[in-house]
Each structure stands twice: as C-alpha cells, then as structure tokens.
Amino acid sequence: VQLVESGGGSVQTGGSLRLSCAASGHTTKDYVIAWFRQAPGKDREAVAGLSGRHGHIYCLDIPPGQHRITNDSAQNTAYLQMSNLRPEDSGVYYCASYANPPRFYRKTYYCDDSVMKYWGKGIRVTVSS
C-alpha cells in the first residue's frame, strides 16, 4: 500500500489548506484513512480519520468544522480541509491507513497511531503569524 500526501505549504494565520492523500494498493474498500501531525519537538498526534464502516471521526479537541475530513472513494483519495489555521497547526502532516477495521466502533481505531499499518512520507504545513 502506498500513501502519497499533497497540498501542504505555507499560509498565514486564519488561512485554509486542503491536504490530499492518494491511496493505492489496498485490496479491499474496507479500510481506514487517517491524518496525523507532528509539530517540531512534540509527539505525533491524531487529527481525524474515516472509513466506510464508521464514517468520519475527529480526534483533536478543536471547534467543530475547523477541520473536515472527506474522501473520494472513486479516486481512493482522502482530503483534510483545514480552516482558520493558527501557528500551532504547523508541522508535518502524515496520512496513515490500515485495512479491515473492527466491526464495532472505538475512537482508538482512528486516533491511535499504533494501529496504523501504512504511512505516507508526510507533508509540511507552516502557518505564520
């Protein structure tokens, strides 16, 4: 499985970015796509994830609607639309995935990096004040 992120870059505070994650190589349509981020000097943290089985799950404690995760199943691409960005949103954003999520929902199936099997190389987001 390959995951390729795109769409990162530099924006000013209050700006928006849309990240894309193109997935290839899954042999099933039943898989999780999730976004994680890592700021300099900090641990990696989960942002959001989705699957056809459980829908959209948001992991960060931020105002509703500030980040939105969507997918285009025909293109095997997931998107992370981020708005009202602040400098603390800066970091490297990673796309991650695994196939066949458990049948019953638990937030950790989307927000825990230890369950992810495949990772993209990451893409940098810089928000300037």
Protein backbone atom coordinates (compact mmCIF):
# COMPACT_ATOMS: atom_id res chain seq x y z
CA VAL A 1 0.00 0.00 0.00
CA GLN A 2 1.25 3.46 -0.89
CA LEU A 3 0.02 6.73 0.53
CA VAL A 4 1.02 10.00 -1.07
CA GLU A 5 0.23 13.31 0.57
CA SER A 6 -0.06 16.61 -1.27
CA GLY A 7 -1.40 20.09 -0.72
CA GLY A 8 0.81 21.30 2.09
CA GLY A 9 2.52 24.66 2.15
CA SER A 10 2.64 27.98 3.93
CA VAL A 11 -0.30 30.13 4.90
CA GLN A 12 -0.93 32.99 7.25
CA THR A 13 -2.96 32.76 10.43
CA GLY A 14 -6.62 32.39 9.59
CA GLY A 15 -5.89 30.81 6.24
CA SER A 16 -7.00 27.47 4.86
CA LEU A 17 -5.38 24.46 3.27
CA ARG A 18 -6.65 21.24 1.82
CA LEU A 19 -4.41 18.22 2.13
CA SER A 20 -4.86 15.19 -0.08
CA CYS A 21 -3.89 11.58 0.50
CA ALA A 22 -3.89 9.32 -2.53
CA ALA A 23 -4.03 5.65 -1.53
CA SER A 24 -3.10 2.78 -3.77
CA GLY A 25 -2.57 -0.92 -3.27
CA HIS A 26 -5.41 -1.78 -0.89
CA THR A 27 -7.11 -4.99 -1.93
CA THR A 28 -10.31 -4.05 -0.16
CA LYS A 29 -12.56 -0.99 0.01
CA ASP A 30 -12.90 -1.51 3.75
CA TYR A 31 -10.01 0.48 5.11
CA VAL A 32 -9.26 3.37 7.42
CA ILE A 33 -7.58 6.55 6.27
CA ALA A 34 -6.37 8.88 8.99
CA TRP A 35 -4.40 12.07 9.33
CA PHE A 36 -1.77 12.67 11.98
CA ARG A 37 0.52 15.60 12.55
CA GLN A 38 3.76 16.28 14.34
CA ALA A 39 4.93 19.70 15.38
CA PRO A 40 8.63 20.35 15.99
CA GLY A 41 9.67 18.94 19.34
CA LYS A 42 6.29 17.39 20.02
CA ASP A 43 4.77 13.94 19.81
CA ARG A 44 2.75 12.94 16.84
CA GLU A 45 -0.98 13.44 17.36
CA ALA A 46 -4.06 12.27 15.55
CA VAL A 47 -6.18 14.76 13.64
CA ALA A 48 -9.01 12.79 12.05
CA GLY A 49 -9.86 9.57 10.31
CA LEU A 50 -12.55 7.92 8.27
CA SER A 51 -13.76 4.66 6.90
CA GLY A 52 -16.80 3.44 5.06
CA ARG A 53 -17.67 1.37 8.11
CA HIS A 54 -17.75 4.13 10.76
CA GLY A 55 -17.75 7.41 8.87
CA HIS A 56 -15.77 10.46 9.95
CA ILE A 57 -14.01 10.65 13.28
CA TYR A 58 -12.32 13.75 14.65
CA CYS A 59 -9.54 13.28 17.15
CA LEU A 60 -8.46 16.80 18.05
CA ASP A 61 -10.29 18.88 20.60
CA ILE A 62 -11.00 21.83 18.31
CA PRO A 63 -14.13 23.73 17.32
CA PRO A 64 -16.44 21.68 15.13
CA GLY A 65 -15.95 22.33 11.46
CA GLN A 66 -12.45 23.74 11.73
CA HIS A 67 -11.08 20.58 10.15
CA ARG A 68 -13.08 18.40 7.81
CA ILE A 69 -12.07 15.01 6.52
CA THR A 70 -13.69 13.69 3.37
CA ASN A 71 -12.96 11.06 0.79
CA ASP A 72 -13.44 10.36 -2.87
CA SER A 73 -13.78 6.61 -2.96
CA ALA A 74 -13.67 6.53 -6.75
CA GLN A 75 -10.25 8.18 -6.67
CA ASN A 76 -9.11 6.40 -3.49
CA THR A 77 -8.22 9.81 -2.13
CA ALA A 78 -8.91 11.32 1.27
CA TYR A 79 -8.86 15.01 1.98
CA LEU A 80 -8.28 17.09 5.09
CA GLN A 81 -9.75 20.56 4.73
CA MET A 82 -8.31 22.83 7.38
CA SER A 83 -9.60 26.31 8.03
CA ASN A 84 -8.86 29.14 10.44
CA LEU A 85 -5.32 27.84 10.77
CA ARG A 86 -3.09 29.02 13.57
CA PRO A 87 0.69 28.77 14.07
CA GLU A 88 0.20 25.82 16.43
CA ASP A 89 -1.26 23.88 13.49
CA SER A 90 2.18 23.94 11.87
CA GLY A 91 4.02 20.68 11.47
CA VAL A 92 4.37 17.66 9.28
CA TYR A 93 1.08 16.02 8.40
CA TYR A 94 1.01 12.30 7.74
CA CYS A 95 -1.57 10.13 6.09
CA ALA A 96 -1.94 6.64 7.56
CA SER A 97 -4.06 3.62 6.82
CA TYR A 98 -4.92 0.03 7.58
CA ALA A 99 -7.42 -2.41 6.16
CA ASN A 100 -10.44 -4.12 7.70
CA PRO A 101 -11.22 -2.03 10.78
CA PRO A 102 -13.01 -3.83 13.59
CA ARG A 103 -16.75 -4.08 13.23
CA PHE A 104 -17.63 -2.15 16.37
CA TYR A 105 -16.54 1.46 16.66
CA ARG A 106 -13.87 2.69 19.02
CA LYS A 107 -12.17 6.06 18.69
CA THR A 108 -8.77 4.47 19.06
CA TYR A 109 -9.29 2.68 15.74
CA TYR A 110 -8.86 6.10 14.12
CA CYS A 111 -6.89 8.19 16.61
CA ASP A 112 -4.13 5.87 17.75
CA ASP A 113 -1.02 5.79 15.57
CA SER A 114 -0.08 2.32 16.85
CA VAL A 115 -2.96 0.71 14.94
CA MET A 116 -1.95 2.22 11.60
CA LYS A 117 -0.09 -0.11 9.28
CA TYR A 118 0.82 2.11 6.38
CA TRP A 119 2.20 5.63 6.40
CA GLY A 120 2.87 8.34 3.88
CA LYS A 121 6.10 10.30 3.91
CA GLY A 122 4.43 13.38 5.31
CA ILE A 123 3.91 16.88 4.09
CA ARG A 124 4.78 20.14 5.77
CA VAL A 125 2.28 22.77 6.80
CA THR A 126 3.53 26.11 8.03
CA VAL A 127 1.22 28.73 9.47
CA SER A 128 2.79 32.11 10.05
CA SER A 129 1.52 34.77 12.41
